[in-house]
Amino acid sequence: MEQPLVKNPGIQVLNAIAAFIIVVAGMKAASAIVVPFLLAVFISILAASPLLWLQNKGWPLWAALTTIIIGVIAIMMLLVLLLGASLDDFTRELPSYQARLHDIVLGIINWAEGRGLEISADRAREVFDPSGAIGIVNNILGGITNLLGNAFLILFTIIFMLVEAASFPRKIIRITGGQISGTYNEILLRVRSYIAVKTMISVATGICIGILTYTIGVDFPVLWGIIGFLLNYVPTIGSILASVPACLIALVQLGIGPTIFTALGYFGINVVFGNLIEPRIMGRAMGLSTLVVFLSLVFWGWVLGPIGMLLSVPLTMVAKIALEQNAHTMPLAIILDADRPTEQDQSA
């Protein structure tokens, strides 16, 4: 007997793909609402740990919640003030920096032509435009600054989420009869662990970058520290994007020698924190392959903009944990997972 149409594997795959496309299109169309909500969710996950800790110490809910909210408001205001002031000054000086960079590129072209190399100046400026890297970072910071304009929406969402933080697990257990409580706890634990570790590493990275650029004498060291802090959340290419504009400003402001020291300083900071300290603290908690991390960065950046790049790894981790809970979707979870040898692989 012919199988019913709804049980046909091909039809099921097409339905899943169609549903995925519809959900992604909806998220992209509603990104103005989805992005502040997602940011509030992840801030709430991070803030839930100190809230529950204060409650376990005997604090009433209203006192613990008030303390956490005051801390969140203080951090957001500090970030807005520092980023806004530094970004305004940098934006004013940006045309002069770009003009100097074009002069440097033109000087390199003239030097090459003086030694018999035929180079089209217009074509070279189109292919090699170092000021474009500054523009990329400026766009990311502009997106973050615009998002902080929704601070009240984010703040109220965080407050209501934290109020429900203690009762939400019990509601999940009642609704599902305890079937997915383990999944909920795993998602919460792994995302909270990732965000907490990444935040600590990002703060240390930003402080070190600020000290480095201030010591060398690069303009706007506070801005470079904030950029280093924020872009450290962006996997794979975040550290590169953070270093390029600072090195270019060092080049047009101080010359080749300080630029080399700036680049070496960035490289050393990223090696120490990104390759030595962070893997030791985080271990295998992320559980995503390098290719998946990069593709998730591109995908979520396209769907949700700059904040999607910052949240790409936590969002992909949530998707991977959800896929692991179903035998039919387990192959997709294995594809997303990092390549870790199993006992079966070792015996083989």
Protein backbone atom coordinates (compact mmCIF):
# COMPACT_ATOMS: atom_id res chain seq x y z
CA MET A 1 0.00 0.00 0.00
CA GLU A 2 1.21 3.46 -0.85
CA GLN A 3 2.32 5.53 2.15
CA PRO A 4 0.21 8.54 3.10
CA LEU A 5 1.52 11.78 1.66
CA VAL A 6 2.18 13.31 5.07
CA LYS A 7 4.50 10.40 6.00
CA ASN A 8 6.55 10.63 2.82
CA PRO A 9 10.15 11.52 3.89
CA GLY A 10 10.65 13.82 0.91
CA ILE A 11 7.49 15.77 1.70
CA GLN A 12 8.51 16.02 5.35
CA VAL A 13 11.92 17.42 4.39
CA LEU A 14 10.33 19.97 2.07
CA ASN A 15 7.88 20.98 4.80
CA ALA A 16 10.74 21.43 7.27
CA ILE A 17 12.70 23.54 4.78
CA ALA A 18 9.63 25.67 3.99
CA ALA A 19 8.93 26.20 7.69
CA PHE A 20 12.57 27.16 8.28
CA ILE A 21 12.50 29.70 5.44
CA ILE A 22 9.25 31.22 6.72
CA VAL A 23 10.62 31.54 10.27
CA VAL A 24 13.89 33.13 9.07
CA ALA A 25 12.02 35.55 6.80
CA GLY A 26 9.75 36.50 9.70
CA MET A 27 12.72 37.07 12.02
CA LYS A 28 14.46 39.24 9.43
CA ALA A 29 11.31 41.27 8.77
CA ALA A 30 10.69 41.74 12.51
CA SER A 31 14.36 42.27 13.45
CA ALA A 32 13.58 45.67 14.99
CA ILE A 33 11.54 43.83 17.65
CA VAL A 34 13.35 40.48 17.73
CA VAL A 35 16.85 41.93 18.32
CA PRO A 36 16.04 43.88 21.53
CA PHE A 37 14.06 40.90 22.80
CA LEU A 38 16.92 38.43 22.17
CA LEU A 39 19.43 40.77 23.79
CA ALA A 40 17.14 41.08 26.82
CA VAL A 41 16.84 37.28 26.98
CA PHE A 42 20.59 36.74 27.09
CA ILE A 43 21.16 39.57 29.58
CA SER A 44 18.43 38.02 31.75
CA ILE A 45 20.10 34.60 31.56
CA LEU A 46 23.37 36.19 32.67
CA ALA A 47 21.71 38.23 35.44
CA ALA A 48 19.65 35.30 36.74
CA SER A 49 22.67 33.74 38.45
CA PRO A 50 23.40 36.67 40.82
CA LEU A 51 19.64 37.12 41.38
CA LEU A 52 19.20 33.51 42.52
CA TRP A 53 22.41 33.75 44.56
CA LEU A 54 21.08 36.77 46.45
CA GLN A 55 17.77 35.01 47.05
CA ASN A 56 19.60 31.95 48.40
CA LYS A 57 21.39 34.30 50.81
CA GLY A 58 18.02 35.29 52.24
CA TRP A 59 17.33 38.46 50.26
CA PRO A 60 13.66 39.05 49.38
CA LEU A 61 12.85 39.03 45.68
CA TRP A 62 12.19 42.79 45.50
CA ALA A 63 15.56 43.66 47.11
CA ALA A 64 17.56 41.21 44.97
CA LEU A 65 15.78 42.29 41.80
CA THR A 66 16.28 46.00 42.59
CA THR A 67 20.01 45.45 43.16
CA ILE A 68 20.44 43.52 39.90
CA ILE A 69 18.43 46.07 37.88
CA ILE A 70 20.45 48.98 39.31
CA GLY A 71 23.62 47.14 38.28
CA VAL A 72 22.30 46.51 34.76
CA ILE A 73 21.22 50.16 34.40
CA ALA A 74 24.62 51.39 35.61
CA ILE A 75 26.49 49.18 33.14
CA MET A 76 24.23 50.18 30.24
CA MET A 77 24.56 53.90 31.07
CA LEU A 78 28.33 53.63 31.36
CA LEU A 79 28.52 51.86 28.01
CA VAL A 80 26.25 54.43 26.35
CA LEU A 81 28.22 57.39 27.73
CA LEU A 82 31.66 56.01 26.86
CA LEU A 83 30.67 54.67 23.47
CA GLY A 84 28.60 57.73 22.52
CA ALA A 85 31.28 60.28 23.40
CA SER A 86 34.14 58.33 21.82
CA LEU A 87 32.14 57.50 18.71
CA ASP A 88 31.12 61.13 18.18
CA ASP A 89 34.73 62.30 18.35
CA PHE A 90 35.88 59.47 16.10
CA THR A 91 33.14 60.18 13.53
CA ARG A 92 34.22 63.84 13.36
CA GLU A 93 37.82 62.86 12.67
CA LEU A 94 36.97 59.97 10.34
CA PRO A 95 37.08 61.98 7.03
CA SER A 96 40.58 63.26 7.81
CA TYR A 97 41.79 59.76 8.69
CA GLN A 98 40.33 58.37 5.46
CA ALA A 99 41.98 61.16 3.45
CA ARG A 100 45.37 60.35 5.00
CA LEU A 101 44.89 56.66 4.28
CA HIS A 102 44.18 57.45 0.61
CA ASP A 103 47.34 59.56 0.52
CA ILE A 104 49.34 56.66 1.94
CA VAL A 105 47.90 54.28 -0.67
CA LEU A 106 48.69 56.82 -3.42
CA GLY A 107 52.23 57.14 -2.11
CA ILE A 108 52.71 53.37 -2.26
CA ILE A 109 51.38 53.34 -5.84
CA ASN A 110 53.76 56.15 -6.88
CA TRP A 111 56.65 54.31 -5.22
CA ALA A 112 55.80 51.13 -7.13
CA GLU A 113 55.43 52.99 -10.43
CA GLY A 114 58.83 54.63 -9.86
CA ARG A 115 60.32 51.14 -9.90
CA GLY A 116 58.72 50.12 -13.16
CA LEU A 117 55.46 48.58 -11.92
CA GLU A 118 52.43 49.75 -13.91
CA ILE A 119 49.53 50.16 -11.47
CA SER A 120 46.23 51.94 -12.05
CA ALA A 121 45.69 54.29 -9.11
CA ASP A 122 41.89 54.19 -9.41
CA ARG A 123 41.83 50.42 -9.71
CA ALA A 124 44.21 49.98 -6.76
CA ARG A 125 42.06 52.23 -4.57
CA GLU A 126 38.98 50.18 -5.48
CA VAL A 127 40.65 46.85 -4.66
CA PHE A 128 42.63 48.00 -1.65
CA ASP A 129 40.55 50.40 0.39
CA PRO A 130 41.75 50.22 4.01
CA SER A 131 39.22 52.81 5.10
CA GLY A 132 36.51 50.24 4.35
CA ALA A 133 37.56 48.32 7.48
CA ILE A 134 36.99 51.45 9.56
CA GLY A 135 33.60 51.81 7.91
CA ILE A 136 32.64 48.22 8.84
CA VAL A 137 33.47 48.80 12.51
CA ASN A 138 31.70 52.17 12.40
CA ASN A 139 28.56 50.45 11.06
CA ILE A 140 28.68 47.79 13.81
CA LEU A 141 29.08 50.43 16.51
CA GLY A 142 26.32 52.49 14.93
CA GLY A 143 23.99 49.47 15.07
CA ILE A 144 24.85 48.91 18.74
CA THR A 145 24.31 52.58 19.53
CA ASN A 146 20.91 52.53 17.80
CA LEU A 147 19.98 49.41 19.74
CA LEU A 148 20.86 51.12 23.02
CA GLY A 149 18.26 53.70 22.06
CA ASN A 150 15.72 50.96 22.92
CA ALA A 151 17.19 50.77 26.42
CA PHE A 152 13.81 51.18 28.13
CA LEU A 153 12.24 48.34 26.13
CA ILE A 154 15.22 46.10 26.88
CA LEU A 155 15.25 47.08 30.54
CA PHE A 156 11.54 46.41 31.14
CA THR A 157 11.83 43.08 29.31
CA ILE A 158 14.75 42.12 31.57
CA ILE A 159 12.78 43.08 34.69
CA PHE A 160 9.76 40.96 33.76
CA MET A 161 11.96 38.02 32.74
CA LEU A 162 13.86 38.11 36.02
CA VAL A 163 10.61 38.27 37.98
CA GLU A 164 9.49 35.09 36.18
CA ALA A 165 12.93 33.42 36.40
CA ALA A 166 12.16 31.47 39.56
CA SER A 167 8.71 30.23 38.50
CA PHE A 168 9.33 29.54 34.81
CA PRO A 169 11.04 26.13 35.30
CA ARG A 170 8.10 24.95 37.39
CA LYS A 171 5.70 26.04 34.66
CA ILE A 172 7.72 24.13 32.06
CA ILE A 173 7.57 20.98 34.20
CA ARG A 174 3.80 21.32 34.69
CA ILE A 175 3.18 21.87 30.98
CA THR A 176 5.33 19.00 29.76
CA GLY A 177 5.08 16.63 32.70
CA GLY A 178 8.83 16.96 33.19
CA GLN A 179 9.71 15.67 29.72
CA ILE A 180 11.81 18.61 28.56
CA SER A 181 12.90 20.03 31.88
CA GLY A 182 16.32 18.48 31.29
CA THR A 183 16.55 20.17 27.91
CA TYR A 184 15.56 23.50 29.43
CA ASN A 185 18.19 23.16 32.17
CA GLU A 186 20.89 22.15 29.69
CA ILE A 187 20.15 25.08 27.39
CA LEU A 188 20.12 27.48 30.33
CA LEU A 189 23.32 26.09 31.84
CA ARG A 190 25.36 26.03 28.64
CA VAL A 191 24.22 29.43 27.37
CA ARG A 192 24.76 31.00 30.81
CA SER A 193 28.23 29.41 31.03
CA TYR A 194 29.19 30.64 27.56
CA ILE A 195 27.93 34.20 28.09
CA ALA A 196 29.54 34.48 31.53
CA VAL A 197 32.95 33.24 30.40
CA LYS A 198 32.83 35.27 27.19
CA THR A 199 31.89 38.41 29.12
CA MET A 200 34.79 38.03 31.57
CA ILE A 201 37.26 37.38 28.74
CA SER A 202 35.86 40.30 26.72
CA VAL A 203 36.16 42.73 29.66
CA ALA A 204 39.79 41.69 30.24
CA THR A 205 40.51 41.95 26.49
CA GLY A 206 38.99 45.44 26.27
CA ILE A 207 40.96 46.69 29.28
CA CYS A 208 44.24 45.33 27.88
CA ILE A 209 43.57 46.86 24.45
CA GLY A 210 42.73 50.23 26.02
CA ILE A 211 45.98 50.17 28.02
CA LEU A 212 47.95 49.07 24.94
CA THR A 213 46.68 51.86 22.66
CA TYR A 214 46.98 54.48 25.42
CA THR A 215 50.59 53.47 26.09
CA ILE A 216 51.53 53.61 22.40
CA GLY A 217 49.71 56.93 21.97
CA VAL A 218 46.98 55.96 19.51
CA ASP A 219 44.01 58.33 19.45
CA PHE A 220 40.76 57.24 21.18
CA PRO A 221 42.12 54.43 23.42
CA VAL A 222 38.76 54.21 25.24
CA LEU A 223 37.01 53.58 21.91
CA TRP A 224 39.48 50.83 20.96
CA GLY A 225 38.97 49.20 24.36
CA ILE A 226 35.18 49.24 23.92
CA ILE A 227 35.51 47.90 20.38
CA GLY A 228 37.80 45.13 21.65
CA PHE A 229 35.26 44.28 24.38
CA LEU A 230 32.26 44.19 22.03
CA LEU A 231 33.86 42.47 19.04
CA ASN A 232 35.38 39.78 21.22
CA TYR A 233 31.84 38.34 21.32
CA VAL A 234 32.04 37.91 17.53
CA PRO A 235 33.69 34.54 16.89
CA THR A 236 36.51 33.92 14.44
CA ILE A 237 36.82 37.38 12.86
CA GLY A 238 35.92 39.65 15.79
CA SER A 239 39.51 40.05 17.00
CA ILE A 240 40.67 40.82 13.45
CA LEU A 241 37.98 43.45 12.92
CA ALA A 242 38.86 45.03 16.27
CA SER A 243 42.56 45.32 15.44
CA VAL A 244 42.38 46.67 11.88
CA PRO A 245 40.96 50.19 12.54
CA ALA A 246 43.27 50.79 15.51
CA CYS A 247 46.28 49.76 13.43
CA LEU A 248 45.19 52.00 10.55
CA ILE A 249 44.76 54.98 12.87
CA ALA A 250 48.19 54.25 14.35
CA LEU A 251 49.60 54.22 10.81
CA VAL A 252 48.21 57.61 9.77
CA GLN A 253 48.87 59.18 13.17
CA LEU A 254 52.21 57.74 14.35
CA GLY A 255 53.87 55.91 11.46
CA ILE A 256 54.98 52.40 10.63
CA GLY A 257 56.90 51.61 13.84
CA PRO A 258 54.06 52.21 16.33
CA THR A 259 51.70 50.44 13.92
CA ILE A 260 53.84 47.29 14.11
CA PHE A 261 53.88 47.49 17.92
CA THR A 262 50.08 47.96 17.94
CA ALA A 263 49.56 44.95 15.68
CA LEU A 264 51.91 42.80 17.77
CA GLY A 265 50.14 43.92 20.95
CA TYR A 266 46.73 42.96 19.53
CA PHE A 267 48.13 39.64 18.37
CA GLY A 268 49.60 38.90 21.80
CA ILE A 269 46.38 39.82 23.64
CA ASN A 270 44.26 37.66 21.34
CA VAL A 271 46.64 34.71 21.62
CA VAL A 272 46.74 34.88 25.42
CA PHE A 273 43.00 35.34 25.98
CA GLY A 274 41.55 33.62 22.90
CA ASN A 275 43.86 30.63 22.55
CA LEU A 276 45.18 30.02 26.07
CA ILE A 277 42.86 31.35 28.79
CA GLU A 278 39.42 31.05 27.17
CA PRO A 279 39.73 27.39 26.03
CA ARG A 280 40.97 26.38 29.50
CA ILE A 281 38.00 28.04 31.22
CA MET A 282 35.32 27.19 28.66
CA GLY A 283 36.65 23.78 27.67
CA ARG A 284 34.23 21.94 25.39
CA ALA A 285 31.22 23.92 26.59
CA MET A 286 30.64 25.55 23.22
CA GLY A 287 30.61 22.23 21.33
CA LEU A 288 30.45 23.76 17.82
CA SER A 289 32.78 23.17 14.91
CA THR A 290 34.86 26.08 13.64
CA LEU A 291 33.10 26.06 10.26
CA VAL A 292 29.68 26.13 11.95
CA VAL A 293 30.79 29.03 14.17
CA PHE A 294 31.84 31.05 11.11
CA LEU A 295 28.72 30.20 9.10
CA SER A 296 26.50 31.03 12.09
CA LEU A 297 28.26 34.39 12.29
CA VAL A 298 27.42 35.11 8.65
CA PHE A 299 23.86 33.77 8.90
CA TRP A 300 22.78 35.51 12.10
CA GLY A 301 24.54 38.70 11.03
CA TRP A 302 22.48 38.68 7.84
CA VAL A 303 19.22 37.93 9.66
CA LEU A 304 19.58 40.18 12.71
CA GLY A 305 22.35 42.63 11.87
CA PRO A 306 25.32 43.50 14.14
CA ILE A 307 23.69 42.13 17.31
CA GLY A 308 23.06 38.86 15.47
CA MET A 309 26.83 38.57 15.01
CA LEU A 310 27.37 39.05 18.74
CA LEU A 311 24.72 36.45 19.62
CA SER A 312 25.48 34.00 16.79
CA VAL A 313 27.17 31.35 18.95
CA PRO A 314 24.53 31.26 21.76
CA LEU A 315 21.71 31.12 19.21
CA THR A 316 23.38 28.25 17.33
CA MET A 317 24.07 26.44 20.61
CA VAL A 318 20.36 26.61 21.48
CA ALA A 319 19.47 25.23 18.05
CA LYS A 320 22.02 22.40 18.42
CA ILE A 321 20.75 21.37 21.89
CA ALA A 322 17.16 21.38 20.57
CA LEU A 323 18.18 19.18 17.60
CA GLU A 324 19.84 16.69 19.98
CA GLN A 325 16.53 15.96 21.69
CA ASN A 326 14.98 14.21 18.68
CA ALA A 327 16.30 11.06 17.00
CA HIS A 328 15.25 12.35 13.58
CA THR A 329 17.23 15.60 13.95
CA MET A 330 20.23 14.10 15.75
CA PRO A 331 22.29 13.88 12.48
CA LEU A 332 21.99 17.66 12.11
CA ALA A 333 23.19 18.12 15.70
CA ILE A 334 26.19 15.87 14.97
CA ILE A 335 27.06 18.00 11.93
CA LEU A 336 26.97 21.15 14.08
CA ASP A 337 29.04 19.54 16.83
CA ALA A 338 32.80 19.89 17.18
CA ASP A 339 34.80 16.89 15.98
CA ARG A 340 35.50 15.00 19.20
CA PRO A 341 36.73 11.38 19.00
CA THR A 342 34.35 8.91 20.62
CA GLU A 343 35.26 5.55 22.17
CA GLN A 344 34.01 3.85 19.02
CA ASP A 345 36.27 6.05 16.85
CA GLN A 346 39.29 5.33 19.05
CA SER A 347 38.70 1.57 18.98
CA ALA A 348 38.33 1.70 15.20
